[in-house]
Amino acid sequence: MDMRTYSTDEIHILEISGRFDANTVQPVATWLEQTTSTPGARVLINLTDTTFVDSTALATLVQALKRCQQMQGDLYLCGMRHPVHKIFELTRLDKSFNIFSDKDCALQAFVK
């Protein structure tokens, strides 16, 4: 797994490529804990190049979402490939997260 982080218009963006699982989750969890603990944080996780997520990765995302909401922030996901999106559907997490087709759509949603 590779991760890339950057900010644009006060939106913190995390791009994950490859497998996002128990073996690779720690750097993502650390970054998300720091970023979502800021009041009013706006976070976008781009999963366009993510090929697989496991339960540990899902739990990490759920914890980040809850923390972000407690701090009156927003956490959005975007760019899921079909197999990854299917995992979100099967776990019904697609109902908990704001999921966008691509990064541009997600960034526009932060403006509204």
PDB file of N, CA and C in Angstrom:
ATOM      1  N   MET A   1       0.834  -1.178   0.000  1.00  0.00           N
ATOM      2  CA  MET A   1       0.000   0.000   0.000  1.00  0.00           C
ATOM      3  C   MET A   1       0.883   1.247   0.000  1.00  0.00           C
ATOM      4  N   ASP A   2       0.466   2.215  -0.750  1.00  0.00           N
ATOM      5  CA  ASP A   2       1.094   3.528  -0.736  1.00  0.00           C
ATOM      6  C   ASP A   2       0.039   4.544  -0.332  1.00  0.00           C
ATOM      7  N   MET A   3       0.464   5.558   0.382  1.00  0.00           N
ATOM      8  CA  MET A   3      -0.460   6.630   0.732  1.00  0.00           C
ATOM      9  C   MET A   3       0.190   7.963   0.410  1.00  0.00           C
ATOM     10  N   ARG A   4      -0.642   8.881  -0.028  1.00  0.00           N
ATOM     11  CA  ARG A   4      -0.187  10.228  -0.355  1.00  0.00           C
ATOM     12  C   ARG A   4      -1.143  11.193   0.320  1.00  0.00           C
ATOM     13  N   THR A   5      -0.609  12.205   0.988  1.00  0.00           N
ATOM     14  CA  THR A   5      -1.456  13.191   1.654  1.00  0.00           C
ATOM     15  C   THR A   5      -1.092  14.582   1.169  1.00  0.00           C
ATOM     16  N   TYR A   6      -2.100  15.414   1.045  1.00  0.00           N
ATOM     17  CA  TYR A   6      -1.901  16.815   0.695  1.00  0.00           C
ATOM     18  C   TYR A   6      -3.172  17.576   1.043  1.00  0.00           C
ATOM     19  N   SER A   7      -3.112  18.881   0.966  1.00  0.00           N
ATOM     20  CA  SER A   7      -4.273  19.716   1.265  1.00  0.00           C
ATOM     21  C   SER A   7      -4.544  20.660   0.108  1.00  0.00           C
ATOM     22  N   THR A   8      -5.812  20.948  -0.086  1.00  0.00           N
ATOM     23  CA  THR A   8      -6.232  21.930  -1.068  1.00  0.00           C
ATOM     24  C   THR A   8      -7.479  22.620  -0.541  1.00  0.00           C
ATOM     25  N   ASP A   9      -7.496  23.922  -0.542  1.00  0.00           N
ATOM     26  CA  ASP A   9      -8.642  24.699  -0.046  1.00  0.00           C
ATOM     27  C   ASP A   9      -9.085  24.245   1.342  1.00  0.00           C
ATOM     28  N   GLU A  10      -8.113  24.012   2.226  1.00  0.00           N
ATOM     29  CA  GLU A  10      -8.371  23.590   3.604  1.00  0.00           C
ATOM     30  C   GLU A  10      -9.056  22.233   3.703  1.00  0.00           C
ATOM     31  N   ILE A  11      -8.945  21.427   2.663  1.00  0.00           N
ATOM     32  CA  ILE A  11      -9.451  20.056   2.680  1.00  0.00           C
ATOM     33  C   ILE A  11      -8.233  19.136   2.699  1.00  0.00           C
ATOM     34  N   HIS A  12      -8.191  18.256   3.683  1.00  0.00           N
ATOM     35  CA  HIS A  12      -7.088  17.304   3.811  1.00  0.00           C
ATOM     36  C   HIS A  12      -7.425  16.077   2.974  1.00  0.00           C
ATOM     37  N   ILE A  13      -6.548  15.727   2.061  1.00  0.00           N
ATOM     38  CA  ILE A  13      -6.808  14.630   1.133  1.00  0.00           C
ATOM     39  C   ILE A  13      -5.811  13.506   1.370  1.00  0.00           C
ATOM     40  N   LEU A  14      -6.341  12.292   1.446  1.00  0.00           N
ATOM     41  CA  LEU A  14      -5.540  11.082   1.581  1.00  0.00           C
ATOM     42  C   LEU A  14      -5.852  10.188   0.397  1.00  0.00           C
ATOM     43  N   GLU A  15      -4.829   9.819  -0.354  1.00  0.00           N
ATOM     44  CA  GLU A  15      -4.992   8.888  -1.475  1.00  0.00           C
ATOM     45  C   GLU A  15      -4.302   7.587  -1.100  1.00  0.00           C
ATOM     46  N   ILE A  16      -5.053   6.497  -1.171  1.00  0.00           N
ATOM     47  CA  ILE A  16      -4.538   5.176  -0.820  1.00  0.00           C
ATOM     48  C   ILE A  16      -4.503   4.325  -2.079  1.00  0.00           C
ATOM     49  N   SER A  17      -3.366   3.706  -2.336  1.00  0.00           N
ATOM     50  CA  SER A  17      -3.286   2.801  -3.483  1.00  0.00           C
ATOM     51  C   SER A  17      -2.810   1.429  -3.008  1.00  0.00           C
ATOM     52  N   GLY A  18      -3.323   0.399  -3.666  1.00  0.00           N
ATOM     53  CA  GLY A  18      -2.991  -0.976  -3.296  1.00  0.00           C
ATOM     54  C   GLY A  18      -3.944  -1.521  -2.259  1.00  0.00           C
ATOM     55  N   ARG A  19      -3.477  -2.517  -1.518  1.00  0.00           N
ATOM     56  CA  ARG A  19      -4.284  -3.167  -0.485  1.00  0.00           C
ATOM     57  C   ARG A  19      -4.298  -2.322   0.786  1.00  0.00           C
ATOM     58  N   PHE A  20      -5.480  -2.101   1.311  1.00  0.00           N
ATOM     59  CA  PHE A  20      -5.661  -1.379   2.572  1.00  0.00           C
ATOM     60  C   PHE A  20      -6.201  -2.404   3.559  1.00  0.00           C
ATOM     61  N   ASP A  21      -5.299  -2.977   4.351  1.00  0.00           N
ATOM     62  CA  ASP A  21      -5.687  -4.065   5.241  1.00  0.00           C
ATOM     63  C   ASP A  21      -4.908  -4.006   6.551  1.00  0.00           C
ATOM     64  N   ALA A  22      -5.044  -5.036   7.370  1.00  0.00           N
ATOM     65  CA  ALA A  22      -4.419  -5.057   8.692  1.00  0.00           C
ATOM     66  C   ALA A  22      -2.906  -4.873   8.626  1.00  0.00           C
ATOM     67  N   ASN A  23      -2.291  -5.311   7.560  1.00  0.00           N
ATOM     68  CA  ASN A  23      -0.836  -5.195   7.430  1.00  0.00           C
ATOM     69  C   ASN A  23      -0.379  -3.790   7.053  1.00  0.00           C
ATOM     70  N   THR A  24      -1.286  -2.979   6.528  1.00  0.00           N
ATOM     71  CA  THR A  24      -0.900  -1.657   6.020  1.00  0.00           C
ATOM     72  C   THR A  24      -1.642  -0.507   6.683  1.00  0.00           C
ATOM     73  N   VAL A  25      -2.514  -0.800   7.615  1.00  0.00           N
ATOM     74  CA  VAL A  25      -3.430   0.203   8.151  1.00  0.00           C
ATOM     75  C   VAL A  25      -2.770   1.243   9.065  1.00  0.00           C
ATOM     76  N   GLN A  26      -1.680   0.914   9.730  1.00  0.00           N
ATOM     77  CA  GLN A  26      -1.149   1.789  10.777  1.00  0.00           C
ATOM     78  C   GLN A  26      -0.818   3.214  10.327  1.00  0.00           C
ATOM     79  N   PRO A  27      -0.087   3.431   9.220  1.00  0.00           N
ATOM     80  CA  PRO A  27       0.188   4.828   8.845  1.00  0.00           C
ATOM     81  C   PRO A  27      -1.083   5.607   8.497  1.00  0.00           C
ATOM     82  N   VAL A  28      -2.062   4.927   7.926  1.00  0.00           N
ATOM     83  CA  VAL A  28      -3.333   5.585   7.609  1.00  0.00           C
ATOM     84  C   VAL A  28      -4.056   5.945   8.894  1.00  0.00           C
ATOM     85  N   ALA A  29      -4.096   5.015   9.845  1.00  0.00           N
ATOM     86  CA  ALA A  29      -4.766   5.262  11.129  1.00  0.00           C
ATOM     87  C   ALA A  29      -4.124   6.436  11.869  1.00  0.00           C
ATOM     88  N   THR A  30      -2.815   6.500  11.852  1.00  0.00           N
ATOM     89  CA  THR A  30      -2.107   7.592  12.522  1.00  0.00           C
ATOM     90  C   THR A  30      -2.448   8.930  11.873  1.00  0.00           C
ATOM     91  N   TRP A  31      -2.391   8.984  10.556  1.00  0.00           N
ATOM     92  CA  TRP A  31      -2.708  10.229   9.842  1.00  0.00           C
ATOM     93  C   TRP A  31      -4.157  10.641  10.103  1.00  0.00           C
ATOM     94  N   LEU A  32      -5.080   9.678  10.036  1.00  0.00           N
ATOM     95  CA  LEU A  32      -6.493   9.996  10.250  1.00  0.00           C
ATOM     96  C   LEU A  32      -6.749  10.468  11.679  1.00  0.00           C
ATOM     97  N   GLU A  33      -6.084   9.872  12.651  1.00  0.00           N
ATOM     98  CA  GLU A  33      -6.283  10.291  14.036  1.00  0.00           C
ATOM     99  C   GLU A  33      -5.848  11.743  14.225  1.00  0.00           C
ATOM    100  N   GLN A  34      -4.719  12.100  13.666  1.00  0.00           N
ATOM    101  CA  GLN A  34      -4.235  13.474  13.781  1.00  0.00           C
ATOM    102  C   GLN A  34      -5.142  14.448  13.032  1.00  0.00           C
ATOM    103  N   THR A  35      -5.529  14.083  11.832  1.00  0.00           N
ATOM    104  CA  THR A  35      -6.282  14.990  10.971  1.00  0.00           C
ATOM    105  C   THR A  35      -7.725  15.181  11.437  1.00  0.00           C
ATOM    106  N   THR A  36      -8.382  14.098  11.845  1.00  0.00           N
ATOM    107  CA  THR A  36      -9.797  14.193  12.221  1.00  0.00           C
ATOM    108  C   THR A  36      -9.998  14.712  13.639  1.00  0.00           C
ATOM    109  N   SER A  37      -8.927  14.885  14.395  1.00  0.00           N
ATOM    110  CA  SER A  37      -9.039  15.426  15.752  1.00  0.00           C
ATOM    111  C   SER A  37      -9.068  16.949  15.767  1.00  0.00           C
ATOM    112  N   THR A  38      -8.899  17.559  14.625  1.00  0.00           N
ATOM    113  CA  THR A  38      -8.935  19.013  14.507  1.00  0.00           C
ATOM    114  C   THR A  38     -10.384  19.471  14.366  1.00  0.00           C
ATOM    115  N   PRO A  39     -10.838  20.433  15.173  1.00  0.00           N
ATOM    116  CA  PRO A  39     -12.219  20.911  15.049  1.00  0.00           C
ATOM    117  C   PRO A  39     -12.524  21.402  13.623  1.00  0.00           C
ATOM    118  N   GLY A  40     -13.655  20.926  13.103  1.00  0.00           N
ATOM    119  CA  GLY A  40     -14.102  21.352  11.775  1.00  0.00           C
ATOM    120  C   GLY A  40     -13.296  20.790  10.622  1.00  0.00           C
ATOM    121  N   ALA A  41     -12.532  19.739  10.861  1.00  0.00           N
ATOM    122  CA  ALA A  41     -11.698  19.153   9.800  1.00  0.00           C
ATOM    123  C   ALA A  41     -12.553  18.700   8.618  1.00  0.00           C
ATOM    124  N   ARG A  42     -12.015  18.942   7.445  1.00  0.00           N
ATOM    125  CA  ARG A  42     -12.645  18.458   6.219  1.00  0.00           C
ATOM    126  C   ARG A  42     -11.653  17.502   5.570  1.00  0.00           C
ATOM    127  N   VAL A  43     -12.065  16.226   5.481  1.00  0.00           N
ATOM    128  CA  VAL A  43     -11.164  15.164   5.058  1.00  0.00           C
ATOM    129  C   VAL A  43     -11.779  14.401   3.891  1.00  0.00           C
ATOM    130  N   LEU A  44     -10.963  14.165   2.880  1.00  0.00           N
ATOM    131  CA  LEU A  44     -11.376  13.372   1.723  1.00  0.00           C
ATOM    132  C   LEU A  44     -10.424  12.202   1.576  1.00  0.00           C
ATOM    133  N   ILE A  45     -10.972  11.005   1.519  1.00  0.00           N
ATOM    134  CA  ILE A  45     -10.163   9.808   1.297  1.00  0.00           C
ATOM    135  C   ILE A  45     -10.466   9.300  -0.107  1.00  0.00           C
ATOM    136  N   ASN A  46      -9.452   9.348  -0.949  1.00  0.00           N
ATOM    137  CA  ASN A  46      -9.582   8.931  -2.341  1.00  0.00           C
ATOM    138  C   ASN A  46      -9.153   7.469  -2.454  1.00  0.00           C
ATOM    139  N   LEU A  47     -10.088   6.617  -2.828  1.00  0.00           N
ATOM    140  CA  LEU A  47      -9.838   5.177  -2.917  1.00  0.00           C
ATOM    141  C   LEU A  47      -9.769   4.695  -4.365  1.00  0.00           C
ATOM    142  N   THR A  48      -9.514   5.595  -5.286  1.00  0.00           N
ATOM    143  CA  THR A  48      -9.484   5.247  -6.708  1.00  0.00           C
ATOM    144  C   THR A  48      -8.517   4.103  -6.999  1.00  0.00           C
ATOM    145  N   ASP A  49      -7.359   4.117  -6.381  1.00  0.00           N
ATOM    146  CA  ASP A  49      -6.339   3.103  -6.648  1.00  0.00           C
ATOM    147  C   ASP A  49      -6.259   2.036  -5.555  1.00  0.00           C
ATOM    148  N   THR A  50      -7.275   1.974  -4.698  1.00  0.00           N
ATOM    149  CA  THR A  50      -7.323   0.960  -3.647  1.00  0.00           C
ATOM    150  C   THR A  50      -7.945  -0.304  -4.224  1.00  0.00           C
ATOM    151  N   THR A  51      -7.231  -1.413  -4.087  1.00  0.00           N
ATOM    152  CA  THR A  51      -7.690  -2.662  -4.695  1.00  0.00           C
ATOM    153  C   THR A  51      -8.440  -3.561  -3.737  1.00  0.00           C
ATOM    154  N   PHE A  52      -8.262  -3.356  -2.422  1.00  0.00           N
ATOM    155  CA  PHE A  52      -8.882  -4.242  -1.436  1.00  0.00           C
ATOM    156  C   PHE A  52      -8.938  -3.539  -0.091  1.00  0.00           C
ATOM    157  N   VAL A  53     -10.014  -3.749   0.658  1.00  0.00           N
ATOM    158  CA  VAL A  53     -10.108  -3.307   2.049  1.00  0.00           C
ATOM    159  C   VAL A  53     -10.595  -4.478   2.892  1.00  0.00           C
ATOM    160  N   ASP A  54     -10.048  -4.590   4.104  1.00  0.00           N
ATOM    161  CA  ASP A  54     -10.517  -5.639   5.012  1.00  0.00           C
ATOM    162  C   ASP A  54     -11.221  -4.995   6.203  1.00  0.00           C
ATOM    163  N   SER A  55     -11.618  -5.818   7.170  1.00  0.00           N
ATOM    164  CA  SER A  55     -12.391  -5.317   8.304  1.00  0.00           C
ATOM    165  C   SER A  55     -11.584  -4.327   9.146  1.00  0.00           C
ATOM    166  N   THR A  56     -10.287  -4.506   9.229  1.00  0.00           N
ATOM    167  CA  THR A  56      -9.457  -3.571   9.986  1.00  0.00           C
ATOM    168  C   THR A  56      -9.463  -2.199   9.330  1.00  0.00           C
ATOM    169  N   ALA A  57      -9.357  -2.171   8.012  1.00  0.00           N
ATOM    170  CA  ALA A  57      -9.403  -0.909   7.273  1.00  0.00           C
ATOM    171  C   ALA A  57     -10.773  -0.249   7.438  1.00  0.00           C
ATOM    172  N   LEU A  58     -11.829  -1.039   7.354  1.00  0.00           N
ATOM    173  CA  LEU A  58     -13.177  -0.486   7.524  1.00  0.00           C
ATOM    174  C   LEU A  58     -13.341   0.105   8.920  1.00  0.00           C
ATOM    175  N   ALA A  59     -12.858  -0.606   9.935  1.00  0.00           N
ATOM    176  CA  ALA A  59     -12.962  -0.113  11.313  1.00  0.00           C
ATOM    177  C   ALA A  59     -12.186   1.197  11.483  1.00  0.00           C
ATOM    178  N   THR A  60     -11.044   1.297  10.842  1.00  0.00           N
ATOM    179  CA  THR A  60     -10.244   2.517  10.900  1.00  0.00           C
ATOM    180  C   THR A  60     -10.994   3.683  10.285  1.00  0.00           C
ATOM    181  N   LEU A  61     -11.663   3.444   9.160  1.00  0.00           N
ATOM    182  CA  LEU A  61     -12.435   4.501   8.506  1.00  0.00           C
ATOM    183  C   LEU A  61     -13.641   4.907   9.349  1.00  0.00           C
ATOM    184  N   VAL A  62     -14.306   3.937   9.954  1.00  0.00           N
ATOM    185  CA  VAL A  62     -15.467   4.238  10.802  1.00  0.00           C
ATOM    186  C   VAL A  62     -15.038   5.066  12.013  1.00  0.00           C
ATOM    187  N   GLN A  63     -13.936   4.691  12.652  1.00  0.00           N
ATOM    188  CA  GLN A  63     -13.434   5.461  13.797  1.00  0.00           C
ATOM    189  C   GLN A  63     -13.113   6.896  13.383  1.00  0.00           C
ATOM    190  N   ALA A  64     -12.497   7.051  12.226  1.00  0.00           N
ATOM    191  CA  ALA A  64     -12.156   8.391  11.739  1.00  0.00           C
ATOM    192  C   ALA A  64     -13.416   9.199  11.459  1.00  0.00           C
ATOM    193  N   LEU A  65     -14.422   8.559  10.873  1.00  0.00           N
ATOM    194  CA  LEU A  65     -15.678   9.245  10.591  1.00  0.00           C
ATOM    195  C   LEU A  65     -16.330   9.720  11.886  1.00  0.00           C
ATOM    196  N   LYS A  66     -16.397   8.857  12.876  1.00  0.00           N
ATOM    197  CA  LYS A  66     -17.010   9.226  14.154  1.00  0.00           C
ATOM    198  C   LYS A  66     -16.249  10.370  14.820  1.00  0.00           C
ATOM    199  N   ARG A  67     -14.918  10.272  14.832  1.00  0.00           N
ATOM    200  CA  ARG A  67     -14.104  11.316  15.441  1.00  0.00           C
ATOM    201  C   ARG A  67     -14.313  12.636  14.719  1.00  0.00           C
ATOM    202  N   CYS A  68     -14.336  12.587  13.408  1.00  0.00           N
ATOM    203  CA  CYS A  68     -14.515  13.797  12.609  1.00  0.00           C
ATOM    204  C   CYS A  68     -15.886  14.427  12.892  1.00  0.00           C
ATOM    205  N   GLN A  69     -16.918  13.616  12.955  1.00  0.00           N
ATOM    206  CA  GLN A  69     -18.263  14.130  13.232  1.00  0.00           C
ATOM    207  C   GLN A  69     -18.349  14.732  14.626  1.00  0.00           C
ATOM    208  N   GLN A  70     -17.686  14.118  15.602  1.00  0.00           N
ATOM    209  CA  GLN A  70     -17.678  14.655  16.962  1.00  0.00           C
ATOM    210  C   GLN A  70     -17.018  16.024  17.019  1.00  0.00           C
ATOM    211  N   MET A  71     -16.107  16.269  16.099  1.00  0.00           N
ATOM    212  CA  MET A  71     -15.396  17.540  16.036  1.00  0.00           C
ATOM    213  C   MET A  71     -16.057  18.500  15.034  1.00  0.00           C
ATOM    214  N   GLN A  72     -17.308  18.215  14.642  1.00  0.00           N
ATOM    215  CA  GLN A  72     -18.085  19.012  13.695  1.00  0.00           C
ATOM    216  C   GLN A  72     -17.388  19.144  12.332  1.00  0.00           C
ATOM    217  N   GLY A  73     -16.723  18.070  11.926  1.00  0.00           N
ATOM    218  CA  GLY A  73     -16.067  18.051  10.625  1.00  0.00           C
ATOM    219  C   GLY A  73     -16.795  17.151   9.648  1.00  0.00           C
ATOM    220  N   ASP A  74     -16.213  16.990   8.487  1.00  0.00           N
ATOM    221  CA  ASP A  74     -16.771  16.128   7.436  1.00  0.00           C
ATOM    222  C   ASP A  74     -15.686  15.200   6.919  1.00  0.00           C
ATOM    223  N   LEU A  75     -16.051  13.952   6.687  1.00  0.00           N
ATOM    224  CA  LEU A  75     -15.151  12.983   6.082  1.00  0.00           C
ATOM    225  C   LEU A  75     -15.889  12.330   4.923  1.00  0.00           C
ATOM    226  N   TYR A  76     -15.348  12.473   3.726  1.00  0.00           N
ATOM    227  CA  TYR A  76     -15.953  11.908   2.525  1.00  0.00           C
ATOM    228  C   TYR A  76     -15.019  10.882   1.909  1.00  0.00           C
ATOM    229  N   LEU A  77     -15.605   9.931   1.203  1.00  0.00           N
ATOM    230  CA  LEU A  77     -14.853   8.941   0.443  1.00  0.00           C
ATOM    231  C   LEU A  77     -15.159   9.131  -1.035  1.00  0.00           C
ATOM    232  N   CYS A  78     -14.199   8.794  -1.891  1.00  0.00           N
ATOM    233  CA  CYS A  78     -14.458   8.904  -3.321  1.00  0.00           C
ATOM    234  C   CYS A  78     -13.659   7.871  -4.104  1.00  0.00           C
ATOM    235  N   GLY A  79     -14.123   7.641  -5.337  1.00  0.00           N
ATOM    236  CA  GLY A  79     -13.386   6.879  -6.322  1.00  0.00           C
ATOM    237  C   GLY A  79     -13.273   5.389  -6.072  1.00  0.00           C
ATOM    238  N   MET A  80     -14.265   4.783  -5.459  1.00  0.00           N
ATOM    239  CA  MET A  80     -14.154   3.348  -5.173  1.00  0.00           C
ATOM    240  C   MET A  80     -14.320   2.502  -6.423  1.00  0.00           C
ATOM    241  N   ARG A  81     -13.439   1.541  -6.563  1.00  0.00           N
ATOM    242  CA  ARG A  81     -13.614   0.523  -7.594  1.00  0.00           C
ATOM    243  C   ARG A  81     -14.767  -0.381  -7.173  1.00  0.00           C
ATOM    244  N   HIS A  82     -15.339  -1.089  -8.132  1.00  0.00           N
ATOM    245  CA  HIS A  82     -16.506  -1.926  -7.848  1.00  0.00           C
ATOM    246  C   HIS A  82     -16.270  -2.926  -6.700  1.00  0.00           C
ATOM    247  N   PRO A  83     -15.149  -3.687  -6.688  1.00  0.00           N
ATOM    248  CA  PRO A  83     -14.971  -4.646  -5.582  1.00  0.00           C
ATOM    249  C   PRO A  83     -14.915  -3.984  -4.200  1.00  0.00           C
ATOM    250  N   VAL A  84     -14.302  -2.819  -4.123  1.00  0.00           N
ATOM    251  CA  VAL A  84     -14.225  -2.106  -2.845  1.00  0.00           C
ATOM    252  C   VAL A  84     -15.608  -1.569  -2.467  1.00  0.00           C
ATOM    253  N   HIS A  85     -16.313  -1.003  -3.432  1.00  0.00           N
ATOM    254  CA  HIS A  85     -17.654  -0.485  -3.156  1.00  0.00           C
ATOM    255  C   HIS A  85     -18.585  -1.612  -2.712  1.00  0.00           C
ATOM    256  N   LYS A  86     -18.408  -2.779  -3.287  1.00  0.00           N
ATOM    257  CA  LYS A  86     -19.242  -3.928  -2.926  1.00  0.00           C
ATOM    258  C   LYS A  86     -19.063  -4.276  -1.446  1.00  0.00           C
ATOM    259  N   ILE A  87     -17.844  -4.174  -0.932  1.00  0.00           N
ATOM    260  CA  ILE A  87     -17.594  -4.443   0.485  1.00  0.00           C
ATOM    261  C   ILE A  87     -18.342  -3.432   1.350  1.00  0.00           C
ATOM    262  N   PHE A  88     -18.352  -2.174   0.929  1.00  0.00           N
ATOM    263  CA  PHE A  88     -19.100  -1.156   1.665  1.00  0.00           C
ATOM    264  C   PHE A  88     -20.604  -1.443   1.615  1.00  0.00           C
ATOM    265  N   GLU A  89     -21.083  -1.921   0.490  1.00  0.00           N
ATOM    266  CA  GLU A  89     -22.502  -2.263   0.385  1.00  0.00           C
ATOM    267  C   GLU A  89     -22.854  -3.454   1.274  1.00  0.00           C
ATOM    268  N   LEU A  90     -22.022  -4.491   1.233  1.00  0.00           N
ATOM    269  CA  LEU A  90     -22.297  -5.698   2.016  1.00  0.00           C
ATOM    270  C   LEU A  90     -22.289  -5.425   3.520  1.00  0.00           C
ATOM    271  N   THR A  91     -21.462  -4.512   3.950  1.00  0.00           N
ATOM    272  CA  THR A  91     -21.394  -4.156   5.375  1.00  0.00           C
ATOM    273  C   THR A  91     -22.333  -3.006   5.722  1.00  0.00           C
ATOM    274  N   ARG A  92     -23.030  -2.515   4.726  1.00  0.00           N
ATOM    275  CA  ARG A  92     -23.961  -1.386   4.839  1.00  0.00           C
ATOM    276  C   ARG A  92     -23.283  -0.086   5.246  1.00  0.00           C
ATOM    277  N   LEU A  93     -21.989  -0.028   5.104  1.00  0.00           N
ATOM    278  CA  LEU A  93     -21.272   1.205   5.408  1.00  0.00           C
ATOM    279  C   LEU A  93     -21.484   2.262   4.332  1.00  0.00           C
ATOM    280  N   ASP A  94     -22.004   1.846   3.185  1.00  0.00           N
ATOM    281  CA  ASP A  94     -22.337   2.833   2.154  1.00  0.00           C
ATOM    282  C   ASP A  94     -23.448   3.765   2.632  1.00  0.00           C
ATOM    283  N   LYS A  95     -24.174   3.360   3.676  1.00  0.00           N
ATOM    284  CA  LYS A  95     -25.229   4.208   4.254  1.00  0.00           C
ATOM    285  C   LYS A  95     -24.656   5.194   5.277  1.00  0.00           C
ATOM    286  N   SER A  96     -23.477   4.898   5.818  1.00  0.00           N
ATOM    287  CA  SER A  96     -22.870   5.739   6.850  1.00  0.00           C
ATOM    288  C   SER A  96     -21.963   6.823   6.283  1.00  0.00           C
ATOM    289  N   PHE A  97     -21.309   6.503   5.165  1.00  0.00           N
ATOM    290  CA  PHE A  97     -20.354   7.431   4.569  1.00  0.00           C
ATOM    291  C   PHE A  97     -20.964   8.189   3.404  1.00  0.00           C
ATOM    292  N   ASN A  98     -20.496   9.401   3.197  1.00  0.00           N
ATOM    293  CA  ASN A  98     -20.787  10.127   1.963  1.00  0.00           C
ATOM    294  C   ASN A  98     -19.755   9.653   0.945  1.00  0.00           C
ATOM    295  N   ILE A  99     -20.238   8.953  -0.083  1.00  0.00           N
ATOM    296  CA  ILE A  99     -19.352   8.358  -1.081  1.00  0.00           C
ATOM    297  C   ILE A  99     -19.622   9.017  -2.425  1.00  0.00           C
ATOM    298  N   PHE A 100     -18.553   9.488  -3.058  1.00  0.00           N
ATOM    299  CA  PHE A 100     -18.667  10.178  -4.339  1.00  0.00           C
ATOM    300  C   PHE A 100     -17.921   9.403  -5.418  1.00  0.00           C
ATOM    301  N   SER A 101     -18.363   9.576  -6.646  1.00  0.00           N
ATOM    302  CA  SER A 101     -17.778   8.821  -7.756  1.00  0.00           C
ATOM    303  C   SER A 101     -16.326   9.193  -8.021  1.00  0.00           C
ATOM    304  N   ASP A 102     -15.989  10.475  -7.841  1.00  0.00           N
ATOM    305  CA  ASP A 102     -14.609  10.888  -8.087  1.00  0.00           C
ATOM    306  C   ASP A 102     -14.238  12.064  -7.192  1.00  0.00           C
ATOM    307  N   LYS A 103     -12.972  12.426  -7.233  1.00  0.00           N
ATOM    308  CA  LYS A 103     -12.451  13.475  -6.360  1.00  0.00           C
ATOM    309  C   LYS A 103     -13.115  14.819  -6.623  1.00  0.00           C
ATOM    310  N   ASP A 104     -13.339  15.164  -7.894  1.00  0.00           N
ATOM    311  CA  ASP A 104     -13.940  16.458  -8.212  1.00  0.00           C
ATOM    312  C   ASP A 104     -15.343  16.597  -7.623  1.00  0.00           C
ATOM    313  N   CYS A 105     -16.139  15.542  -7.724  1.00  0.00           N
ATOM    314  CA  CYS A 105     -17.492  15.580  -7.148  1.00  0.00           C
ATOM    315  C   CYS A 105     -17.437  15.745  -5.631  1.00  0.00           C
ATOM    316  N   ALA A 106     -16.511  15.057  -5.000  1.00  0.00           N
ATOM    317  CA  ALA A 106     -16.379  15.150  -3.545  1.00  0.00           C
ATOM    318  C   ALA A 106     -15.930  16.556  -3.133  1.00  0.00           C
ATOM    319  N   LEU A 107     -14.971  17.110  -3.830  1.00  0.00           N
ATOM    320  CA  LEU A 107     -14.496  18.459  -3.498  1.00  0.00           C
ATOM    321  C   LEU A 107     -15.612  19.485  -3.657  1.00  0.00           C
ATOM    322  N   GLN A 108     -16.448  19.321  -4.668  1.00  0.00           N
ATOM    323  CA  GLN A 108     -17.585  20.241  -4.863  1.00  0.00           C
ATOM    324  C   GLN A 108     -18.565  20.122  -3.709  1.00  0.00           C
ATOM    325  N   ALA A 109     -18.731  18.922  -3.162  1.00  0.00           N
ATOM    326  CA  ALA A 109     -19.675  18.715  -2.058  1.00  0.00           C
ATOM    327  C   ALA A 109     -19.217  19.451  -0.794  1.00  0.00           C
ATOM    328  N   PHE A 110     -17.917  19.595  -0.602  1.00  0.00           N
ATOM    329  CA  PHE A 110     -17.426  20.339   0.558  1.00  0.00           C
ATOM    330  C   PHE A 110     -17.809  21.802   0.465  1.00  0.00           C
ATOM    331  N   VAL A 111     -17.935  22.338  -0.741  1.00  0.00           N
ATOM    332  CA  VAL A 111     -18.223  23.760  -0.931  1.00  0.00           C
ATOM    333  C   VAL A 111     -19.656  24.075  -0.539  1.00  0.00           C
ATOM    334  N   LYS A 112     -20.555  23.140  -0.714  1.00  0.00           N
ATOM    335  CA  LYS A 112     -21.987  23.386  -0.474  1.00  0.00           C
ATOM    336  C   LYS A 112     -22.306  23.505   0.990  1.00  0.00           C
TER     337      LYS A 112
END
